Amino acid sequence: MPLDQDQVRHVARLARLTLSDEEVARFSRELTVILDYIDELQQVNTNGVSPREQFVSAENVFREDEVRPSLPRETTLALAPEADDRYFLVPRVIG
């Protein structure tokens, strides 16, 4: 399914992209190849094939979570640019 240059310009305008005439011509050709490949993939018979989330086995490579003591509140608040006795003070964001 050939993608004409007007369609490429339309998509570029929606994406707020400025493309040169050479880029429009190149993307027209490249996107046509991509869309043709998608059409080809849609022709593959997938009846009886169950959907998969992952095709290779994966395992968690992170360490186990373990509870450890944290910094004392006083130490942490002493490092803050502004704080009161219990909290960090930050500028108000929502009016």
PDB file of N, CA and C in Angstrom:
ATOM      1  N   MET A   1       0.843  -1.169   0.000  1.00  0.00           N
ATOM      2  CA  MET A   1       0.000   0.000   0.000  1.00  0.00           C
ATOM      3  C   MET A   1       0.892   1.238   0.000  1.00  0.00           C
ATOM      4  N   PRO A   2       1.077   1.868  -1.135  1.00  0.00           N
ATOM      5  CA  PRO A   2       1.958   3.037  -1.200  1.00  0.00           C
ATOM      6  C   PRO A   2       1.397   4.211  -0.390  1.00  0.00           C
ATOM      7  N   LEU A   3       2.282   4.840   0.324  1.00  0.00           N
ATOM      8  CA  LEU A   3       1.924   6.015   1.110  1.00  0.00           C
ATOM      9  C   LEU A   3       2.363   7.236   0.311  1.00  0.00           C
ATOM     10  N   ASP A   4       1.418   8.063  -0.085  1.00  0.00           N
ATOM     11  CA  ASP A   4       1.814   9.195  -0.916  1.00  0.00           C
ATOM     12  C   ASP A   4       2.368  10.336  -0.062  1.00  0.00           C
ATOM     13  N   GLN A   5       2.986  11.279  -0.738  1.00  0.00           N
ATOM     14  CA  GLN A   5       3.688  12.349  -0.039  1.00  0.00           C
ATOM     15  C   GLN A   5       2.729  13.279   0.701  1.00  0.00           C
ATOM     16  N   ASP A   6       1.512  13.423   0.226  1.00  0.00           N
ATOM     17  CA  ASP A   6       0.543  14.250   0.942  1.00  0.00           C
ATOM     18  C   ASP A   6       0.194  13.628   2.294  1.00  0.00           C
ATOM     19  N   GLN A   7       0.115  12.313   2.337  1.00  0.00           N
ATOM     20  CA  GLN A   7      -0.169  11.639   3.605  1.00  0.00           C
ATOM     21  C   GLN A   7       1.001  11.827   4.582  1.00  0.00           C
ATOM     22  N   VAL A   8       2.220  11.751   4.075  1.00  0.00           N
ATOM     23  CA  VAL A   8       3.394  11.970   4.921  1.00  0.00           C
ATOM     24  C   VAL A   8       3.389  13.404   5.453  1.00  0.00           C
ATOM     25  N   ARG A   9       3.088  14.361   4.608  1.00  0.00           N
ATOM     26  CA  ARG A   9       3.019  15.757   5.059  1.00  0.00           C
ATOM     27  C   ARG A   9       1.933  15.942   6.120  1.00  0.00           C
ATOM     28  N   HIS A  10       0.794  15.267   5.932  1.00  0.00           N
ATOM     29  CA  HIS A  10      -0.300  15.358   6.902  1.00  0.00           C
ATOM     30  C   HIS A  10       0.135  14.815   8.268  1.00  0.00           C
ATOM     31  N   VAL A  11       0.766  13.644   8.275  1.00  0.00           N
ATOM     32  CA  VAL A  11       1.232  13.049   9.525  1.00  0.00           C
ATOM     33  C   VAL A  11       2.305  13.945  10.157  1.00  0.00           C
ATOM     34  N   ALA A  12       3.196  14.480   9.345  1.00  0.00           N
ATOM     35  CA  ALA A  12       4.233  15.377   9.866  1.00  0.00           C
ATOM     36  C   ALA A  12       3.604  16.616  10.494  1.00  0.00           C
ATOM     37  N   ARG A  13       2.580  17.145   9.854  1.00  0.00           N
ATOM     38  CA  ARG A  13       1.900  18.328  10.396  1.00  0.00           C
ATOM     39  C   ARG A  13       1.243  17.994  11.728  1.00  0.00           C
ATOM     40  N   LEU A  14       0.604  16.813  11.841  1.00  0.00           N
ATOM     41  CA  LEU A  14      -0.009  16.397  13.101  1.00  0.00           C
ATOM     42  C   LEU A  14       1.035  16.240  14.203  1.00  0.00           C
ATOM     43  N   ALA A  15       2.218  15.789  13.819  1.00  0.00           N
ATOM     44  CA  ALA A  15       3.302  15.599  14.787  1.00  0.00           C
ATOM     45  C   ALA A  15       4.107  16.877  14.991  1.00  0.00           C
ATOM     46  N   ARG A  16       3.687  17.937  14.315  1.00  0.00           N
ATOM     47  CA  ARG A  16       4.361  19.238  14.391  1.00  0.00           C
ATOM     48  C   ARG A  16       5.835  19.132  13.978  1.00  0.00           C
ATOM     49  N   LEU A  17       6.046  18.411  12.884  1.00  0.00           N
ATOM     50  CA  LEU A  17       7.380  18.254  12.311  1.00  0.00           C
ATOM     51  C   LEU A  17       7.472  19.040  11.023  1.00  0.00           C
ATOM     52  N   THR A  18       8.613  19.633  10.796  1.00  0.00           N
ATOM     53  CA  THR A  18       8.871  20.306   9.527  1.00  0.00           C
ATOM     54  C   THR A  18       9.805  19.417   8.728  1.00  0.00           C
ATOM     55  N   LEU A  19       9.336  18.977   7.572  1.00  0.00           N
ATOM     56  CA  LEU A  19      10.138  18.091   6.729  1.00  0.00           C
ATOM     57  C   LEU A  19      10.443  18.772   5.408  1.00  0.00           C
ATOM     58  N   SER A  20      11.658  18.548   4.924  1.00  0.00           N
ATOM     59  CA  SER A  20      12.013  19.053   3.595  1.00  0.00           C
ATOM     60  C   SER A  20      11.372  18.148   2.545  1.00  0.00           C
ATOM     61  N   ASP A  21      11.375  18.594   1.300  1.00  0.00           N
ATOM     62  CA  ASP A  21      10.814  17.775   0.220  1.00  0.00           C
ATOM     63  C   ASP A  21      11.555  16.448   0.094  1.00  0.00           C
ATOM     64  N   GLU A  22      12.874  16.482   0.306  1.00  0.00           N
ATOM     65  CA  GLU A  22      13.664  15.246   0.237  1.00  0.00           C
ATOM     66  C   GLU A  22      13.268  14.289   1.356  1.00  0.00           C
ATOM     67  N   GLU A  23      13.040  14.825   2.558  1.00  0.00           N
ATOM     68  CA  GLU A  23      12.631  13.977   3.674  1.00  0.00           C
ATOM     69  C   GLU A  23      11.245  13.392   3.435  1.00  0.00           C
ATOM     70  N   VAL A  24      10.347  14.191   2.900  1.00  0.00           N
ATOM     71  CA  VAL A  24       8.992  13.697   2.603  1.00  0.00           C
ATOM     72  C   VAL A  24       9.075  12.538   1.617  1.00  0.00           C
ATOM     73  N   ALA A  25       9.873  12.687   0.579  1.00  0.00           N
ATOM     74  CA  ALA A  25      10.020  11.622  -0.419  1.00  0.00           C
ATOM     75  C   ALA A  25      10.634  10.373   0.209  1.00  0.00           C
ATOM     76  N   ARG A  26      11.679  10.564   1.018  1.00  0.00           N
ATOM     77  CA  ARG A  26      12.342   9.417   1.656  1.00  0.00           C
ATOM     78  C   ARG A  26      11.384   8.706   2.612  1.00  0.00           C
ATOM     79  N   PHE A  27      10.683   9.478   3.470  1.00  0.00           N
ATOM     80  CA  PHE A  27       9.769   8.859   4.425  1.00  0.00           C
ATOM     81  C   PHE A  27       8.591   8.192   3.724  1.00  0.00           C
ATOM     82  N   SER A  28       8.174   8.728   2.609  1.00  0.00           N
ATOM     83  CA  SER A  28       7.112   8.090   1.847  1.00  0.00           C
ATOM     84  C   SER A  28       7.537   6.692   1.420  1.00  0.00           C
ATOM     85  N   ARG A  29       8.760   6.577   0.917  1.00  0.00           N
ATOM     86  CA  ARG A  29       9.274   5.259   0.504  1.00  0.00           C
ATOM     87  C   ARG A  29       9.455   4.336   1.712  1.00  0.00           C
ATOM     88  N   GLU A  30      10.073   4.855   2.775  1.00  0.00           N
ATOM     89  CA  GLU A  30      10.369   4.017   3.942  1.00  0.00           C
ATOM     90  C   GLU A  30       9.087   3.563   4.644  1.00  0.00           C
ATOM     91  N   LEU A  31       8.139   4.462   4.794  1.00  0.00           N
ATOM     92  CA  LEU A  31       6.893   4.086   5.447  1.00  0.00           C
ATOM     93  C   LEU A  31       6.082   3.107   4.599  1.00  0.00           C
ATOM     94  N   THR A  32       6.183   3.221   3.291  1.00  0.00           N
ATOM     95  CA  THR A  32       5.510   2.261   2.415  1.00  0.00           C
ATOM     96  C   THR A  32       6.060   0.859   2.642  1.00  0.00           C
ATOM     97  N   VAL A  33       7.381   0.743   2.774  1.00  0.00           N
ATOM     98  CA  VAL A  33       8.011  -0.561   3.039  1.00  0.00           C
ATOM     99  C   VAL A  33       7.522  -1.113   4.376  1.00  0.00           C
ATOM    100  N   ILE A  34       7.454  -0.255   5.386  1.00  0.00           N
ATOM    101  CA  ILE A  34       7.003  -0.697   6.715  1.00  0.00           C
ATOM    102  C   ILE A  34       5.550  -1.153   6.656  1.00  0.00           C
ATOM    103  N   LEU A  35       4.687  -0.373   6.027  1.00  0.00           N
ATOM    104  CA  LEU A  35       3.277  -0.738   5.942  1.00  0.00           C
ATOM    105  C   LEU A  35       3.069  -2.011   5.119  1.00  0.00           C
ATOM    106  N   ASP A  36       3.863  -2.187   4.062  1.00  0.00           N
ATOM    107  CA  ASP A  36       3.780  -3.426   3.282  1.00  0.00           C
ATOM    108  C   ASP A  36       4.154  -4.634   4.137  1.00  0.00           C
ATOM    109  N   TYR A  37       5.161  -4.469   4.992  1.00  0.00           N
ATOM    110  CA  TYR A  37       5.579  -5.563   5.869  1.00  0.00           C
ATOM    111  C   TYR A  37       4.479  -5.862   6.884  1.00  0.00           C
ATOM    112  N   ILE A  38       3.833  -4.844   7.410  1.00  0.00           N
ATOM    113  CA  ILE A  38       2.730  -5.059   8.348  1.00  0.00           C
ATOM    114  C   ILE A  38       1.591  -5.802   7.653  1.00  0.00           C
ATOM    115  N   ASP A  39       1.284  -5.425   6.416  1.00  0.00           N
ATOM    116  CA  ASP A  39       0.258  -6.147   5.652  1.00  0.00           C
ATOM    117  C   ASP A  39       0.634  -7.621   5.492  1.00  0.00           C
ATOM    118  N   GLU A  40       1.910  -7.870   5.240  1.00  0.00           N
ATOM    119  CA  GLU A  40       2.391  -9.236   5.085  1.00  0.00           C
ATOM    120  C   GLU A  40       2.235 -10.012   6.403  1.00  0.00           C
ATOM    121  N   LEU A  41       2.550  -9.362   7.517  1.00  0.00           N
ATOM    122  CA  LEU A  41       2.400 -10.024   8.815  1.00  0.00           C
ATOM    123  C   LEU A  41       0.941 -10.328   9.133  1.00  0.00           C
ATOM    124  N   GLN A  42       0.041  -9.466   8.694  1.00  0.00           N
ATOM    125  CA  GLN A  42      -1.371  -9.694   8.966  1.00  0.00           C
ATOM    126  C   GLN A  42      -1.909 -10.899   8.207  1.00  0.00           C
ATOM    127  N   GLN A  43      -1.204 -11.347   7.189  1.00  0.00           N
ATOM    128  CA  GLN A  43      -1.640 -12.508   6.417  1.00  0.00           C
ATOM    129  C   GLN A  43      -1.257 -13.828   7.085  1.00  0.00           C
ATOM    130  N   VAL A  44      -0.395 -13.775   8.102  1.00  0.00           N
ATOM    131  CA  VAL A  44       0.060 -14.999   8.768  1.00  0.00           C
ATOM    132  C   VAL A  44      -1.082 -15.593   9.579  1.00  0.00           C
ATOM    133  N   ASN A  45      -1.279 -16.887   9.422  1.00  0.00           N
ATOM    134  CA  ASN A  45      -2.326 -17.595  10.155  1.00  0.00           C
ATOM    135  C   ASN A  45      -1.859 -17.818  11.587  1.00  0.00           C
ATOM    136  N   THR A  46      -2.533 -17.195  12.536  1.00  0.00           N
ATOM    137  CA  THR A  46      -2.173 -17.347  13.946  1.00  0.00           C
ATOM    138  C   THR A  46      -3.239 -18.107  14.731  1.00  0.00           C
ATOM    139  N   ASN A  47      -4.137 -18.766  14.034  1.00  0.00           N
ATOM    140  CA  ASN A  47      -5.151 -19.572  14.722  1.00  0.00           C
ATOM    141  C   ASN A  47      -4.462 -20.666  15.525  1.00  0.00           C
ATOM    142  N   GLY A  48      -4.882 -20.824  16.758  1.00  0.00           N
ATOM    143  CA  GLY A  48      -4.315 -21.864  17.613  1.00  0.00           C
ATOM    144  C   GLY A  48      -3.011 -21.467  18.274  1.00  0.00           C
ATOM    145  N   VAL A  49      -2.537 -20.276  18.033  1.00  0.00           N
ATOM    146  CA  VAL A  49      -1.301 -19.819  18.667  1.00  0.00           C
ATOM    147  C   VAL A  49      -1.690 -18.950  19.856  1.00  0.00           C
ATOM    148  N   SER A  50      -1.252 -19.364  21.023  1.00  0.00           N
ATOM    149  CA  SER A  50      -1.625 -18.598  22.214  1.00  0.00           C
ATOM    150  C   SER A  50      -0.715 -17.367  22.345  1.00  0.00           C
ATOM    151  N   PRO A  51      -1.287 -16.276  22.792  1.00  0.00           N
ATOM    152  CA  PRO A  51      -0.493 -15.065  22.967  1.00  0.00           C
ATOM    153  C   PRO A  51       0.575 -15.271  24.035  1.00  0.00           C
ATOM    154  N   ARG A  52       1.715 -14.651  23.837  1.00  0.00           N
ATOM    155  CA  ARG A  52       2.808 -14.762  24.795  1.00  0.00           C
ATOM    156  C   ARG A  52       3.221 -13.379  25.234  1.00  0.00           C
ATOM    157  N   GLU A  53       3.580 -13.272  26.485  1.00  0.00           N
ATOM    158  CA  GLU A  53       4.088 -12.002  26.978  1.00  0.00           C
ATOM    159  C   GLU A  53       5.598 -11.920  26.800  1.00  0.00           C
ATOM    160  N   GLN A  54       6.236 -13.079  26.816  1.00  0.00           N
ATOM    161  CA  GLN A  54       7.690 -13.091  26.775  1.00  0.00           C
ATOM    162  C   GLN A  54       8.141 -14.339  26.016  1.00  0.00           C
ATOM    163  N   PHE A  55       9.162 -14.179  25.181  1.00  0.00           N
ATOM    164  CA  PHE A  55       9.603 -15.298  24.356  1.00  0.00           C
ATOM    165  C   PHE A  55      10.880 -15.938  24.854  1.00  0.00           C
ATOM    166  N   VAL A  56      11.533 -15.292  25.787  1.00  0.00           N
ATOM    167  CA  VAL A  56      12.739 -15.875  26.378  1.00  0.00           C
ATOM    168  C   VAL A  56      12.518 -15.951  27.880  1.00  0.00           C
ATOM    169  N   SER A  57      13.139 -16.931  28.493  1.00  0.00           N
ATOM    170  CA  SER A  57      12.963 -17.030  29.945  1.00  0.00           C
ATOM    171  C   SER A  57      13.709 -15.887  30.613  1.00  0.00           C
ATOM    172  N   ALA A  58      13.116 -15.382  31.643  1.00  0.00           N
ATOM    173  CA  ALA A  58      13.723 -14.268  32.371  1.00  0.00           C
ATOM    174  C   ALA A  58      13.640 -14.560  33.854  1.00  0.00           C
ATOM    175  N   GLU A  59      14.581 -14.039  34.557  1.00  0.00           N
ATOM    176  CA  GLU A  59      14.561 -14.199  36.003  1.00  0.00           C
ATOM    177  C   GLU A  59      14.931 -12.870  36.642  1.00  0.00           C
ATOM    178  N   ASN A  60      14.509 -12.714  37.847  1.00  0.00           N
ATOM    179  CA  ASN A  60      14.799 -11.489  38.564  1.00  0.00           C
ATOM    180  C   ASN A  60      16.281 -11.474  38.935  1.00  0.00           C
ATOM    181  N   VAL A  61      17.004 -10.479  38.462  1.00  0.00           N
ATOM    182  CA  VAL A  61      18.435 -10.399  38.738  1.00  0.00           C
ATOM    183  C   VAL A  61      18.729  -9.422  39.872  1.00  0.00           C
ATOM    184  N   PHE A  62      17.686  -8.889  40.473  1.00  0.00           N
ATOM    185  CA  PHE A  62      17.873  -7.946  41.563  1.00  0.00           C
ATOM    186  C   PHE A  62      17.978  -8.691  42.884  1.00  0.00           C
ATOM    187  N   ARG A  63      18.551  -8.043  43.846  1.00  0.00           N
ATOM    188  CA  ARG A  63      18.676  -8.655  45.168  1.00  0.00           C
ATOM    189  C   ARG A  63      17.316  -8.705  45.849  1.00  0.00           C
ATOM    190  N   GLU A  64      17.198  -9.536  46.819  1.00  0.00           N
ATOM    191  CA  GLU A  64      15.976  -9.612  47.609  1.00  0.00           C
ATOM    192  C   GLU A  64      15.835  -8.332  48.424  1.00  0.00           C
ATOM    193  N   ASP A  65      14.606  -7.903  48.609  1.00  0.00           N
ATOM    194  CA  ASP A  65      14.352  -6.760  49.475  1.00  0.00           C
ATOM    195  C   ASP A  65      14.565  -7.186  50.919  1.00  0.00           C
ATOM    196  N   GLU A  66      15.242  -6.361  51.648  1.00  0.00           N
ATOM    197  CA  GLU A  66      15.410  -6.643  53.064  1.00  0.00           C
ATOM    198  C   GLU A  66      15.296  -5.342  53.845  1.00  0.00           C
ATOM    199  N   VAL A  67      14.666  -5.434  54.977  1.00  0.00           N
ATOM    200  CA  VAL A  67      14.464  -4.262  55.813  1.00  0.00           C
ATOM    201  C   VAL A  67      15.781  -3.935  56.503  1.00  0.00           C
ATOM    202  N   ARG A  68      16.181  -2.682  56.374  1.00  0.00           N
ATOM    203  CA  ARG A  68      17.396  -2.212  57.035  1.00  0.00           C
ATOM    204  C   ARG A  68      17.104  -0.858  57.670  1.00  0.00           C
ATOM    205  N   PRO A  69      17.851  -0.491  58.660  1.00  0.00           N
ATOM    206  CA  PRO A  69      17.600   0.805  59.284  1.00  0.00           C
ATOM    207  C   PRO A  69      17.909   1.938  58.308  1.00  0.00           C
ATOM    208  N   SER A  70      17.117   2.991  58.389  1.00  0.00           N
ATOM    209  CA  SER A  70      17.339   4.145  57.522  1.00  0.00           C
ATOM    210  C   SER A  70      18.069   5.229  58.315  1.00  0.00           C
ATOM    211  N   LEU A  71      18.378   6.324  57.611  1.00  0.00           N
ATOM    212  CA  LEU A  71      19.029   7.439  58.293  1.00  0.00           C
ATOM    213  C   LEU A  71      18.086   8.024  59.334  1.00  0.00           C
ATOM    214  N   PRO A  72      18.618   8.506  60.412  1.00  0.00           N
ATOM    215  CA  PRO A  72      17.754   9.171  61.392  1.00  0.00           C
ATOM    216  C   PRO A  72      17.122  10.424  60.786  1.00  0.00           C
ATOM    217  N   ARG A  73      15.895  10.704  61.173  1.00  0.00           N
ATOM    218  CA  ARG A  73      15.155  11.846  60.645  1.00  0.00           C
ATOM    219  C   ARG A  73      15.941  13.143  60.831  1.00  0.00           C
ATOM    220  N   GLU A  74      16.538  13.334  61.974  1.00  0.00           N
ATOM    221  CA  GLU A  74      17.264  14.576  62.251  1.00  0.00           C
ATOM    222  C   GLU A  74      18.424  14.766  61.281  1.00  0.00           C
ATOM    223  N   THR A  75      19.135  13.692  60.984  1.00  0.00           N
ATOM    224  CA  THR A  75      20.266  13.760  60.047  1.00  0.00           C
ATOM    225  C   THR A  75      19.784  14.127  58.653  1.00  0.00           C
ATOM    226  N   THR A  76      18.715  13.483  58.210  1.00  0.00           N
ATOM    227  CA  THR A  76      18.182  13.738  56.876  1.00  0.00           C
ATOM    228  C   THR A  76      17.657  15.159  56.759  1.00  0.00           C
ATOM    229  N   LEU A  77      16.890  15.607  57.745  1.00  0.00           N
ATOM    230  CA  LEU A  77      16.341  16.961  57.696  1.00  0.00           C
ATOM    231  C   LEU A  77      17.432  18.016  57.795  1.00  0.00           C
ATOM    232  N   ALA A  78      18.528  17.701  58.466  1.00  0.00           N
ATOM    233  CA  ALA A  78      19.641  18.656  58.558  1.00  0.00           C
ATOM    234  C   ALA A  78      20.298  18.888  57.206  1.00  0.00           C
ATOM    235  N   LEU A  79      20.159  17.946  56.283  1.00  0.00           N
ATOM    236  CA  LEU A  79      20.750  18.078  54.951  1.00  0.00           C
ATOM    237  C   LEU A  79      19.856  18.852  53.980  1.00  0.00           C
ATOM    238  N   ALA A  80      18.611  19.056  54.353  1.00  0.00           N
ATOM    239  CA  ALA A  80      17.650  19.711  53.463  1.00  0.00           C
ATOM    240  C   ALA A  80      17.870  21.220  53.453  1.00  0.00           C
ATOM    241  N   PRO A  81      17.610  21.881  52.306  1.00  0.00           N
ATOM    242  CA  PRO A  81      17.723  23.343  52.263  1.00  0.00           C
ATOM    243  C   PRO A  81      16.777  24.017  53.251  1.00  0.00           C
ATOM    244  N   GLU A  82      15.547  23.464  53.367  1.00  0.00           N
ATOM    245  CA  GLU A  82      14.584  23.993  54.325  1.00  0.00           C
ATOM    246  C   GLU A  82      13.817  22.839  54.931  1.00  0.00           C
ATOM    247  N   ALA A  83      13.637  22.896  56.258  1.00  0.00           N
ATOM    248  CA  ALA A  83      12.898  21.841  56.939  1.00  0.00           C
ATOM    249  C   ALA A  83      12.368  22.391  58.255  1.00  0.00           C
ATOM    250  N   ASP A  84      11.331  21.732  58.764  1.00  0.00           N
ATOM    251  CA  ASP A  84      10.907  22.035  60.123  1.00  0.00           C
ATOM    252  C   ASP A  84      11.276  20.812  60.966  1.00  0.00           C
ATOM    253  N   ASP A  85      10.621  20.611  62.063  1.00  0.00           N
ATOM    254  CA  ASP A  85      10.999  19.494  62.948  1.00  0.00           C
ATOM    255  C   ASP A  85      10.707  18.120  62.371  1.00  0.00           C
ATOM    256  N   ARG A  86       9.747  18.060  61.417  1.00  0.00           N
ATOM    257  CA  ARG A  86       9.338  16.743  60.932  1.00  0.00           C
ATOM    258  C   ARG A  86       9.373  16.575  59.422  1.00  0.00           C
ATOM    259  N   TYR A  87       9.351  17.690  58.643  1.00  0.00           N
ATOM    260  CA  TYR A  87       9.149  17.571  57.202  1.00  0.00           C
ATOM    261  C   TYR A  87      10.140  18.432  56.421  1.00  0.00           C
ATOM    262  N   PHE A  88      10.332  18.042  55.152  1.00  0.00           N
ATOM    263  CA  PHE A  88      11.017  18.907  54.216  1.00  0.00           C
ATOM    264  C   PHE A  88      10.064  20.033  53.843  1.00  0.00           C
ATOM    265  N   LEU A  89      10.554  21.252  53.710  1.00  0.00           N
ATOM    266  CA  LEU A  89       9.726  22.358  53.253  1.00  0.00           C
ATOM    267  C   LEU A  89      10.069  22.632  51.806  1.00  0.00           C
ATOM    268  N   VAL A  90       9.041  22.667  50.969  1.00  0.00           N
ATOM    269  CA  VAL A  90       9.238  22.901  49.538  1.00  0.00           C
ATOM    270  C   VAL A  90       8.298  24.004  49.094  1.00  0.00           C
ATOM    271  N   PRO A  91       8.601  24.664  47.957  1.00  0.00           N
ATOM    272  CA  PRO A  91       7.709  25.709  47.476  1.00  0.00           C
ATOM    273  C   PRO A  91       6.350  25.138  47.113  1.00  0.00           C
ATOM    274  N   ARG A  92       5.321  25.925  47.340  1.00  0.00           N
ATOM    275  CA  ARG A  92       3.963  25.513  46.989  1.00  0.00           C
ATOM    276  C   ARG A  92       3.829  25.444  45.475  1.00  0.00           C
ATOM    277  N   VAL A  93       3.285  24.354  44.968  1.00  0.00           N
ATOM    278  CA  VAL A  93       3.175  24.155  43.531  1.00  0.00           C
ATOM    279  C   VAL A  93       1.756  24.394  43.050  1.00  0.00           C
ATOM    280  N   ILE A  94       0.789  23.902  43.773  1.00  0.00           N
ATOM    281  CA  ILE A  94      -0.609  24.044  43.376  1.00  0.00           C
ATOM    282  C   ILE A  94      -1.227  25.146  44.219  1.00  0.00           C
ATOM    283  N   GLY A  95      -1.832  26.127  43.523  1.00  0.00           N
ATOM    284  CA  GLY A  95      -2.336  27.331  44.148  1.00  0.00           C
ATOM    285  C   GLY A  95      -3.423  27.099  45.104  1.00  0.00           C
TER     286      GLY A  95
END
